[in-house]
């Protein structure tokens, strides 16, 4: 536990120093996020009908999902490209633990940007946005399932190094088939197999004051844990295979 805590502190400090040194990049990211979310509201909402106060939830969840599933893969690819991947393998904390800490740090820093952007949109365009702190545990559980997908893509990166195409495909699938662009609480097939869809549905229901069944919460927990376990198991299997075959260091 102490190793994980030290690893998390180190990764958090690294993200902070990068944000401090390369702040122009983060300023640009804020403008890009602002334009992207405005585009979502204009493109996917009916111009004749004002979006309800939970309409933004799907897009925010998708932004987190699209980033979190590729963060670890891009980190491994970058480390292999720069020739520093071997240094990760000799650290006291296992590679899976390092990737988990990086994912959590990424979530924290991106949350600051999301809050700034959504607040600006709310003030400038008077778009209603309701929120409840009860959503935070649902969000955390949903992100665990997405981290499981991230581990799976990281396993592919250990073998093929470049997996940007896989990440792009996964991002578009999540955008159009997980209830992101639908402002209504409609349960489709994706609701029963995708943690992102379940997280969006439950979060909207909570904010709107609707009852959330134990079945829905249990399904989210079960699916998220299943994704996390499957992704982590696949990652460790590929790691063992890579050590034997020597493919983990190749770029």
C-alpha atoms as a PDB file:
ATOM      1  CA  UNK A   1       0.000   0.000   0.000  1.00  0.00           C
ATOM      2  CA  UNK A   2       2.883   2.352   0.822  1.00  0.00           C
ATOM      3  CA  UNK A   3       4.400   1.693  -2.613  1.00  0.00           C
ATOM      4  CA  UNK A   4       1.138   2.600  -4.332  1.00  0.00           C
ATOM      5  CA  UNK A   5       0.874   5.771  -2.248  1.00  0.00           C
ATOM      6  CA  UNK A   6       4.410   6.826  -3.142  1.00  0.00           C
ATOM      7  CA  UNK A   7       3.778   6.004  -6.783  1.00  0.00           C
ATOM      8  CA  UNK A   8       0.581   8.042  -6.820  1.00  0.00           C
ATOM      9  CA  UNK A   9       2.316  11.008  -5.166  1.00  0.00           C
ATOM     10  CA  UNK A  10       5.154  10.839  -7.700  1.00  0.00           C
ATOM     11  CA  UNK A  11       2.776  10.652 -10.678  1.00  0.00           C
ATOM     12  CA  UNK A  12       0.661  13.481  -9.297  1.00  0.00           C
ATOM     13  CA  UNK A  13       3.758  15.637  -8.889  1.00  0.00           C
ATOM     14  CA  UNK A  14       4.872  14.772 -12.423  1.00  0.00           C
ATOM     15  CA  UNK A  15       1.501  15.807 -13.870  1.00  0.00           C
ATOM     16  CA  UNK A  16       1.635  19.038 -11.862  1.00  0.00           C
ATOM     17  CA  UNK A  17       5.143  19.906 -13.067  1.00  0.00           C
ATOM     18  CA  UNK A  18       4.184  19.152 -16.675  1.00  0.00           C
ATOM     19  CA  UNK A  19       1.105  21.367 -16.369  1.00  0.00           C
ATOM     20  CA  UNK A  20       3.235  24.118 -14.816  1.00  0.00           C
ATOM     21  CA  UNK A  21       5.967  23.947 -17.460  1.00  0.00           C
ATOM     22  CA  UNK A  22       3.712  23.431 -20.482  1.00  0.00           C
ATOM     23  CA  UNK A  23       0.754  25.560 -19.454  1.00  0.00           C
ATOM     24  CA  UNK A  24       0.213  26.897 -23.021  1.00  0.00           C
ATOM     25  CA  UNK A  25      -0.805  23.378 -24.049  1.00  0.00           C
ATOM     26  CA  UNK A  26      -3.407  23.273 -21.309  1.00  0.00           C
ATOM     27  CA  UNK A  27      -4.737  26.695 -22.288  1.00  0.00           C
ATOM     28  CA  UNK A  28      -5.144  25.439 -25.854  1.00  0.00           C
ATOM     29  CA  UNK A  29      -6.845  22.294 -24.521  1.00  0.00           C
ATOM     30  CA  UNK A  30      -9.357  24.462 -22.669  1.00  0.00           C
ATOM     31  CA  UNK A  31     -10.291  26.287 -25.871  1.00  0.00           C
ATOM     32  CA  UNK A  32     -10.510  23.004 -27.806  1.00  0.00           C
ATOM     33  CA  UNK A  33     -12.758  21.502 -25.121  1.00  0.00           C
ATOM     34  CA  UNK A  34     -14.904  24.622 -25.144  1.00  0.00           C
ATOM     35  CA  UNK A  35     -15.389  24.462 -28.914  1.00  0.00           C
ATOM     36  CA  UNK A  36     -15.964  20.694 -28.856  1.00  0.00           C
ATOM     37  CA  UNK A  37     -18.694  20.805 -26.207  1.00  0.00           C
ATOM     38  CA  UNK A  38     -20.412  23.753 -27.864  1.00  0.00           C
ATOM     39  CA  UNK A  39     -20.366  21.724 -31.090  1.00  0.00           C
ATOM     40  CA  UNK A  40     -21.933  18.760 -29.302  1.00  0.00           C
ATOM     41  CA  UNK A  41     -24.723  20.882 -27.892  1.00  0.00           C
ATOM     42  CA  UNK A  42     -25.467  22.452 -31.284  1.00  0.00           C
ATOM     43  CA  UNK A  43     -25.059  19.292 -33.371  1.00  0.00           C
ATOM     44  CA  UNK A  44     -26.845  16.685 -31.294  1.00  0.00           C
ATOM     45  CA  UNK A  45     -29.572  18.765 -29.667  1.00  0.00           C
ATOM     46  CA  UNK A  46     -32.778  19.883 -31.285  1.00  0.00           C
ATOM     47  CA  UNK A  47     -32.435  23.622 -31.874  1.00  0.00           C
ATOM     48  CA  UNK A  48     -36.151  24.067 -31.250  1.00  0.00           C
ATOM     49  CA  UNK A  49     -35.964  22.443 -27.822  1.00  0.00           C
ATOM     50  CA  UNK A  50     -33.820  23.682 -24.965  1.00  0.00           C
ATOM     51  CA  UNK A  51     -31.544  20.899 -23.590  1.00  0.00           C
ATOM     52  CA  UNK A  52     -32.539  19.702 -20.147  1.00  0.00           C
ATOM     53  CA  UNK A  53     -30.247  20.089 -17.156  1.00  0.00           C
ATOM     54  CA  UNK A  54     -28.721  16.607 -17.531  1.00  0.00           C
ATOM     55  CA  UNK A  55     -28.071  16.685 -21.272  1.00  0.00           C
ATOM     56  CA  UNK A  56     -24.389  17.494 -20.752  1.00  0.00           C
ATOM     57  CA  UNK A  57     -23.752  14.371 -18.654  1.00  0.00           C
ATOM     58  CA  UNK A  58     -23.346  12.054 -21.630  1.00  0.00           C
ATOM     59  CA  UNK A  59     -20.757  14.235 -23.342  1.00  0.00           C
ATOM     60  CA  UNK A  60     -18.749  14.699 -20.153  1.00  0.00           C
ATOM     61  CA  UNK A  61     -18.723  10.967 -19.509  1.00  0.00           C
ATOM     62  CA  UNK A  62     -17.687  10.310 -23.109  1.00  0.00           C
ATOM     63  CA  UNK A  63     -14.824  12.806 -22.864  1.00  0.00           C
ATOM     64  CA  UNK A  64     -13.502  11.032 -19.788  1.00  0.00           C
ATOM     65  CA  UNK A  65     -14.008   7.627 -21.405  1.00  0.00           C
ATOM     66  CA  UNK A  66     -12.324   8.602 -24.666  1.00  0.00           C
ATOM     67  CA  UNK A  67      -9.313   9.890 -22.768  1.00  0.00           C
ATOM     68  CA  UNK A  68      -8.978   7.248 -20.085  1.00  0.00           C
ATOM     69  CA  UNK A  69      -9.044   4.268 -22.435  1.00  0.00           C
ATOM     70  CA  UNK A  70      -6.111   5.668 -24.398  1.00  0.00           C
ATOM     71  CA  UNK A  71      -4.035   7.332 -21.681  1.00  0.00           C
ATOM     72  CA  UNK A  72      -2.158   4.201 -20.590  1.00  0.00           C
ATOM     73  CA  UNK A  73      -1.634   3.002 -24.155  1.00  0.00           C
ATOM     74  CA  UNK A  74      -0.162   6.319 -25.226  1.00  0.00           C
ATOM     75  CA  UNK A  75       2.054   6.358 -22.140  1.00  0.00           C
ATOM     76  CA  UNK A  76       3.481   2.911 -22.931  1.00  0.00           C
ATOM     77  CA  UNK A  77       3.960   3.800 -26.592  1.00  0.00           C
ATOM     78  CA  UNK A  78       5.778   6.997 -25.618  1.00  0.00           C
ATOM     79  CA  UNK A  79       7.993   5.184 -23.112  1.00  0.00           C
ATOM     80  CA  UNK A  80       8.924   2.537 -25.684  1.00  0.00           C
ATOM     81  CA  UNK A  81       9.646   5.207 -28.286  1.00  0.00           C
ATOM     82  CA  UNK A  82      11.932   7.160 -25.951  1.00  0.00           C
ATOM     83  CA  UNK A  83      13.645   3.983 -24.724  1.00  0.00           C
ATOM     84  CA  UNK A  84      12.634   4.420 -21.092  1.00  0.00           C
ATOM     85  CA  UNK A  85      10.111   1.601 -20.906  1.00  0.00           C
ATOM     86  CA  UNK A  86      12.635  -0.685 -19.192  1.00  0.00           C
ATOM     87  CA  UNK A  87      12.891   1.787 -16.311  1.00  0.00           C
ATOM     88  CA  UNK A  88       9.193   1.331 -15.579  1.00  0.00           C
ATOM     89  CA  UNK A  89       9.678  -2.416 -15.263  1.00  0.00           C
ATOM     90  CA  UNK A  90      12.342  -2.127 -12.554  1.00  0.00           C
ATOM     91  CA  UNK A  91      10.381   0.244 -10.315  1.00  0.00           C
ATOM     92  CA  UNK A  92       9.157  -1.053  -6.921  1.00  0.00           C
ATOM     93  CA  UNK A  93       5.543  -0.659  -8.039  1.00  0.00           C
ATOM     94  CA  UNK A  94       4.328  -3.005 -10.780  1.00  0.00           C
ATOM     95  CA  UNK A  95       3.554  -1.591 -14.220  1.00  0.00           C
ATOM     96  CA  UNK A  96      -0.184  -2.141 -13.772  1.00  0.00           C
ATOM     97  CA  UNK A  97      -0.070  -0.124 -10.540  1.00  0.00           C
ATOM     98  CA  UNK A  98       1.838   2.706 -12.247  1.00  0.00           C
ATOM     99  CA  UNK A  99      -0.700   2.821 -15.069  1.00  0.00           C
ATOM    100  CA  UNK A 100      -3.562   2.908 -12.566  1.00  0.00           C
ATOM    101  CA  UNK A 101      -1.980   5.827 -10.705  1.00  0.00           C
ATOM    102  CA  UNK A 102      -1.453   7.668 -13.991  1.00  0.00           C
ATOM    103  CA  UNK A 103      -5.078   7.117 -14.923  1.00  0.00           C
ATOM    104  CA  UNK A 104      -6.300   8.541 -11.612  1.00  0.00           C
ATOM    105  CA  UNK A 105      -3.982  11.554 -11.927  1.00  0.00           C
ATOM    106  CA  UNK A 106      -5.217  12.156 -15.460  1.00  0.00           C
ATOM    107  CA  UNK A 107      -8.801  12.087 -14.185  1.00  0.00           C
ATOM    108  CA  UNK A 108      -8.029  14.641 -11.487  1.00  0.00           C
ATOM    109  CA  UNK A 109      -6.326  17.112 -13.808  1.00  0.00           C
ATOM    110  CA  UNK A 110      -8.908  16.719 -16.557  1.00  0.00           C
ATOM    111  CA  UNK A 111     -11.671  17.261 -14.020  1.00  0.00           C
ATOM    112  CA  UNK A 112     -10.298  20.731 -13.326  1.00  0.00           C
ATOM    113  CA  UNK A 113     -10.411  21.550 -17.056  1.00  0.00           C
ATOM    114  CA  UNK A 114     -13.909  20.105 -17.436  1.00  0.00           C
ATOM    115  CA  UNK A 115     -15.236  22.163 -14.518  1.00  0.00           C
ATOM    116  CA  UNK A 116     -13.754  25.347 -15.993  1.00  0.00           C
ATOM    117  CA  UNK A 117     -15.108  24.679 -19.485  1.00  0.00           C
ATOM    118  CA  UNK A 118     -18.599  23.614 -18.432  1.00  0.00           C
ATOM    119  CA  UNK A 119     -18.875  26.572 -16.049  1.00  0.00           C
ATOM    120  CA  UNK A 120     -17.938  28.939 -18.880  1.00  0.00           C
ATOM    121  CA  UNK A 121     -20.509  27.353 -21.209  1.00  0.00           C
ATOM    122  CA  UNK A 122     -23.177  27.527 -18.523  1.00  0.00           C
ATOM    123  CA  UNK A 123     -22.536  31.232 -17.861  1.00  0.00           C
ATOM    124  CA  UNK A 124     -22.008  32.381 -21.459  1.00  0.00           C
ATOM    125  CA  UNK A 125     -24.807  30.425 -23.145  1.00  0.00           C
ATOM    126  CA  UNK A 126     -27.212  29.969 -20.198  1.00  0.00           C
ATOM    127  CA  UNK A 127     -27.307  26.208 -20.783  1.00  0.00           C
ATOM    128  CA  UNK A 128     -28.912  24.517 -17.743  1.00  0.00           C
ATOM    129  CA  UNK A 129     -26.585  22.125 -15.941  1.00  0.00           C
ATOM    130  CA  UNK A 130     -27.690  20.405 -12.758  1.00  0.00           C
ATOM    131  CA  UNK A 131     -25.335  18.393 -10.559  1.00  0.00           C
ATOM    132  CA  UNK A 132     -25.430  16.224  -7.461  1.00  0.00           C
ATOM    133  CA  UNK A 133     -22.517  14.934  -5.374  1.00  0.00           C
ATOM    134  CA  UNK A 134     -24.315  11.569  -5.261  1.00  0.00           C
ATOM    135  CA  UNK A 135     -23.164  11.101  -8.850  1.00  0.00           C
ATOM    136  CA  UNK A 136     -19.477  10.951  -7.824  1.00  0.00           C
ATOM    137  CA  UNK A 137     -19.504   7.294  -6.591  1.00  0.00           C
ATOM    138  CA  UNK A 138     -21.316   6.292  -9.795  1.00  0.00           C
ATOM    139  CA  UNK A 139     -18.688   8.146 -11.808  1.00  0.00           C
ATOM    140  CA  UNK A 140     -15.844   6.419  -9.926  1.00  0.00           C
ATOM    141  CA  UNK A 141     -17.309   2.944 -10.475  1.00  0.00           C
ATOM    142  CA  UNK A 142     -17.855   3.687 -14.175  1.00  0.00           C
ATOM    143  CA  UNK A 143     -14.248   4.834 -14.555  1.00  0.00           C
ATOM    144  CA  UNK A 144     -13.034   1.552 -13.044  1.00  0.00           C
ATOM    145  CA  UNK A 145     -14.725  -0.321 -15.874  1.00  0.00           C
ATOM    146  CA  UNK A 146     -13.151   2.005 -18.431  1.00  0.00           C
ATOM    147  CA  UNK A 147      -9.747   1.531 -16.836  1.00  0.00           C
ATOM    148  CA  UNK A 148     -10.284  -2.169 -17.497  1.00  0.00           C
ATOM    149  CA  UNK A 149     -10.682  -1.363 -21.202  1.00  0.00           C
ATOM    150  CA  UNK A 150      -7.546   0.770 -20.909  1.00  0.00           C
ATOM    151  CA  UNK A 151      -5.601  -2.223 -19.560  1.00  0.00           C
ATOM    152  CA  UNK A 152      -6.751  -4.300 -22.519  1.00  0.00           C
ATOM    153  CA  UNK A 153      -5.609  -1.654 -25.011  1.00  0.00           C
ATOM    154  CA  UNK A 154      -2.342  -1.330 -23.079  1.00  0.00           C
ATOM    155  CA  UNK A 155      -1.815  -5.053 -23.569  1.00  0.00           C
ATOM    156  CA  UNK A 156      -2.213  -4.538 -27.309  1.00  0.00           C
ATOM    157  CA  UNK A 157       0.313  -1.704 -27.119  1.00  0.00           C
ATOM    158  CA  UNK A 158       2.856  -4.028 -25.527  1.00  0.00           C
ATOM    159  CA  UNK A 159       2.592  -6.209 -28.628  1.00  0.00           C
ATOM    160  CA  UNK A 160       1.956  -3.778 -31.486  1.00  0.00           C
ATOM    161  CA  UNK A 161       3.222  -0.482 -29.919  1.00  0.00           C
ATOM    162  CA  UNK A 162       0.992   1.724 -32.088  1.00  0.00           C
ATOM    163  CA  UNK A 163      -2.688   1.253 -31.204  1.00  0.00           C
ATOM    164  CA  UNK A 164      -4.103   4.695 -31.985  1.00  0.00           C
ATOM    165  CA  UNK A 165      -6.488   3.201 -34.555  1.00  0.00           C
ATOM    166  CA  UNK A 166      -7.959   0.808 -31.969  1.00  0.00           C
ATOM    167  CA  UNK A 167      -8.425   3.699 -29.526  1.00  0.00           C
ATOM    168  CA  UNK A 168     -10.172   5.826 -32.154  1.00  0.00           C
ATOM    169  CA  UNK A 169     -12.561   3.012 -33.049  1.00  0.00           C
ATOM    170  CA  UNK A 170     -13.367   2.393 -29.384  1.00  0.00           C
ATOM    171  CA  UNK A 171     -13.987   6.117 -28.837  1.00  0.00           C
ATOM    172  CA  UNK A 172     -16.450   6.407 -31.725  1.00  0.00           C
ATOM    173  CA  UNK A 173     -18.264   3.241 -30.654  1.00  0.00           C
ATOM    174  CA  UNK A 174     -18.692   4.675 -27.163  1.00  0.00           C
ATOM    175  CA  UNK A 175     -19.948   7.971 -28.576  1.00  0.00           C
ATOM    176  CA  UNK A 176     -22.736   6.550 -30.721  1.00  0.00           C
ATOM    177  CA  UNK A 177     -23.721   3.302 -28.985  1.00  0.00           C
ATOM    178  CA  UNK A 178     -23.644   4.029 -25.256  1.00  0.00           C
ATOM    179  CA  UNK A 179     -26.403   6.632 -24.921  1.00  0.00           C
ATOM    180  CA  UNK A 180     -24.078   9.641 -24.968  1.00  0.00           C
ATOM    181  CA  UNK A 181     -25.953  11.636 -27.591  1.00  0.00           C
ATOM    182  CA  UNK A 182     -29.410  10.702 -26.328  1.00  0.00           C
ATOM    183  CA  UNK A 183     -30.657  13.096 -23.687  1.00  0.00           C
ATOM    184  CA  UNK A 184     -33.396  10.702 -22.616  1.00  0.00           C
ATOM    185  CA  UNK A 185     -33.011   7.805 -20.204  1.00  0.00           C
ATOM    186  CA  UNK A 186     -33.595   5.026 -22.711  1.00  0.00           C
ATOM    187  CA  UNK A 187     -32.291   1.567 -21.898  1.00  0.00           C
ATOM    188  CA  UNK A 188     -30.854  -0.112 -24.976  1.00  0.00           C
ATOM    189  CA  UNK A 189     -28.794  -3.251 -25.364  1.00  0.00           C
ATOM    190  CA  UNK A 190     -25.663  -1.257 -24.531  1.00  0.00           C
ATOM    191  CA  UNK A 191     -27.156  -0.460 -21.133  1.00  0.00           C
ATOM    192  CA  UNK A 192     -26.706  -4.066 -20.054  1.00  0.00           C
ATOM    193  CA  UNK A 193     -23.154  -4.601 -21.340  1.00  0.00           C
ATOM    194  CA  UNK A 194     -21.374  -1.222 -21.160  1.00  0.00           C
ATOM    195  CA  UNK A 195     -20.467   0.493 -17.859  1.00  0.00           C
ATOM    196  CA  UNK A 196     -20.394   3.869 -19.622  1.00  0.00           C
ATOM    197  CA  UNK A 197     -24.019   3.533 -20.702  1.00  0.00           C
ATOM    198  CA  UNK A 198     -25.055   2.434 -17.218  1.00  0.00           C
ATOM    199  CA  UNK A 199     -23.123   5.258 -15.564  1.00  0.00           C
ATOM    200  CA  UNK A 200     -24.773   7.862 -17.804  1.00  0.00           C
ATOM    201  CA  UNK A 201     -28.228   6.424 -17.203  1.00  0.00           C
ATOM    202  CA  UNK A 202     -27.848   6.283 -13.418  1.00  0.00           C
ATOM    203  CA  UNK A 203     -26.241   9.738 -13.196  1.00  0.00           C
ATOM    204  CA  UNK A 204     -29.049  11.327 -15.193  1.00  0.00           C
ATOM    205  CA  UNK A 205     -31.651   9.572 -13.082  1.00  0.00           C
ATOM    206  CA  UNK A 206     -30.039  10.755  -9.832  1.00  0.00           C
ATOM    207  CA  UNK A 207     -29.767  14.372 -10.956  1.00  0.00           C
ATOM    208  CA  UNK A 208     -33.358  14.391 -12.232  1.00  0.00           C
ATOM    209  CA  UNK A 209     -34.545  13.035  -8.884  1.00  0.00           C
ATOM    210  CA  UNK A 210     -35.765   9.713 -10.263  1.00  0.00           C
ATOM    211  CA  UNK A 211     -35.523   6.437  -8.370  1.00  0.00           C
ATOM    212  CA  UNK A 212     -32.516   4.263  -9.147  1.00  0.00           C
ATOM    213  CA  UNK A 213     -33.088   0.553  -8.710  1.00  0.00           C
ATOM    214  CA  UNK A 214     -30.703  -1.768  -6.894  1.00  0.00           C
ATOM    215  CA  UNK A 215     -30.565  -3.807 -10.099  1.00  0.00           C
ATOM    216  CA  UNK A 216     -29.142  -0.878 -12.075  1.00  0.00           C
ATOM    217  CA  UNK A 217     -26.497  -0.115  -9.458  1.00  0.00           C
ATOM    218  CA  UNK A 218     -25.608  -3.778  -9.074  1.00  0.00           C
ATOM    219  CA  UNK A 219     -25.334  -4.179 -12.839  1.00  0.00           C
ATOM    220  CA  UNK A 220     -22.955  -1.218 -13.036  1.00  0.00           C
ATOM    221  CA  UNK A 221     -20.753  -2.585 -10.253  1.00  0.00           C
ATOM    222  CA  UNK A 222     -20.752  -6.089 -11.738  1.00  0.00           C
ATOM    223  CA  UNK A 223     -19.934  -4.936 -15.260  1.00  0.00           C
ATOM    224  CA  UNK A 224     -17.236  -2.508 -14.143  1.00  0.00           C
ATOM    225  CA  UNK A 225     -15.524  -5.166 -12.034  1.00  0.00           C
ATOM    226  CA  UNK A 226     -15.809  -7.665 -14.895  1.00  0.00           C
ATOM    227  CA  UNK A 227     -14.194  -5.218 -17.341  1.00  0.00           C
ATOM    228  CA  UNK A 228     -11.482  -4.343 -14.829  1.00  0.00           C
ATOM    229  CA  UNK A 229     -10.697  -7.985 -14.021  1.00  0.00           C
ATOM    230  CA  UNK A 230     -10.691  -9.020 -17.696  1.00  0.00           C
ATOM    231  CA  UNK A 231      -8.510  -6.102 -18.764  1.00  0.00           C
ATOM    232  CA  UNK A 232      -6.072  -6.567 -15.895  1.00  0.00           C
ATOM    233  CA  UNK A 233      -5.839 -10.322 -16.476  1.00  0.00           C
ATOM    234  CA  UNK A 234      -5.186  -9.774 -20.187  1.00  0.00           C
ATOM    235  CA  UNK A 235      -2.533  -7.173 -19.403  1.00  0.00           C
ATOM    236  CA  UNK A 236      -0.654  -9.456 -16.991  1.00  0.00           C
ATOM    237  CA  UNK A 237      -0.883 -12.375 -19.424  1.00  0.00           C
ATOM    238  CA  UNK A 238       0.622 -10.294 -22.240  1.00  0.00           C
ATOM    239  CA  UNK A 239       3.297  -8.970 -19.873  1.00  0.00           C
ATOM    240  CA  UNK A 240       4.393 -12.504 -19.034  1.00  0.00           C
ATOM    241  CA  UNK A 241       4.307 -13.429 -22.717  1.00  0.00           C
ATOM    242  CA  UNK A 242       6.325 -10.309 -23.592  1.00  0.00           C
ATOM    243  CA  UNK A 243       9.020 -11.105 -21.049  1.00  0.00           C
ATOM    244  CA  UNK A 244       9.450 -14.598 -22.500  1.00  0.00           C
ATOM    245  CA  UNK A 245       9.374 -13.565 -26.168  1.00  0.00           C
ATOM    246  CA  UNK A 246      11.178 -10.250 -25.717  1.00  0.00           C
ATOM    247  CA  UNK A 247       8.547  -8.221 -27.541  1.00  0.00           C
ATOM    248  CA  UNK A 248       7.812  -5.764 -24.746  1.00  0.00           C
ATOM    249  CA  UNK A 249      10.880  -3.630 -25.506  1.00  0.00           C
ATOM    250  CA  UNK A 250      10.419  -3.457 -29.267  1.00  0.00           C
ATOM    251  CA  UNK A 251       9.257  -0.289 -30.906  1.00  0.00           C
END
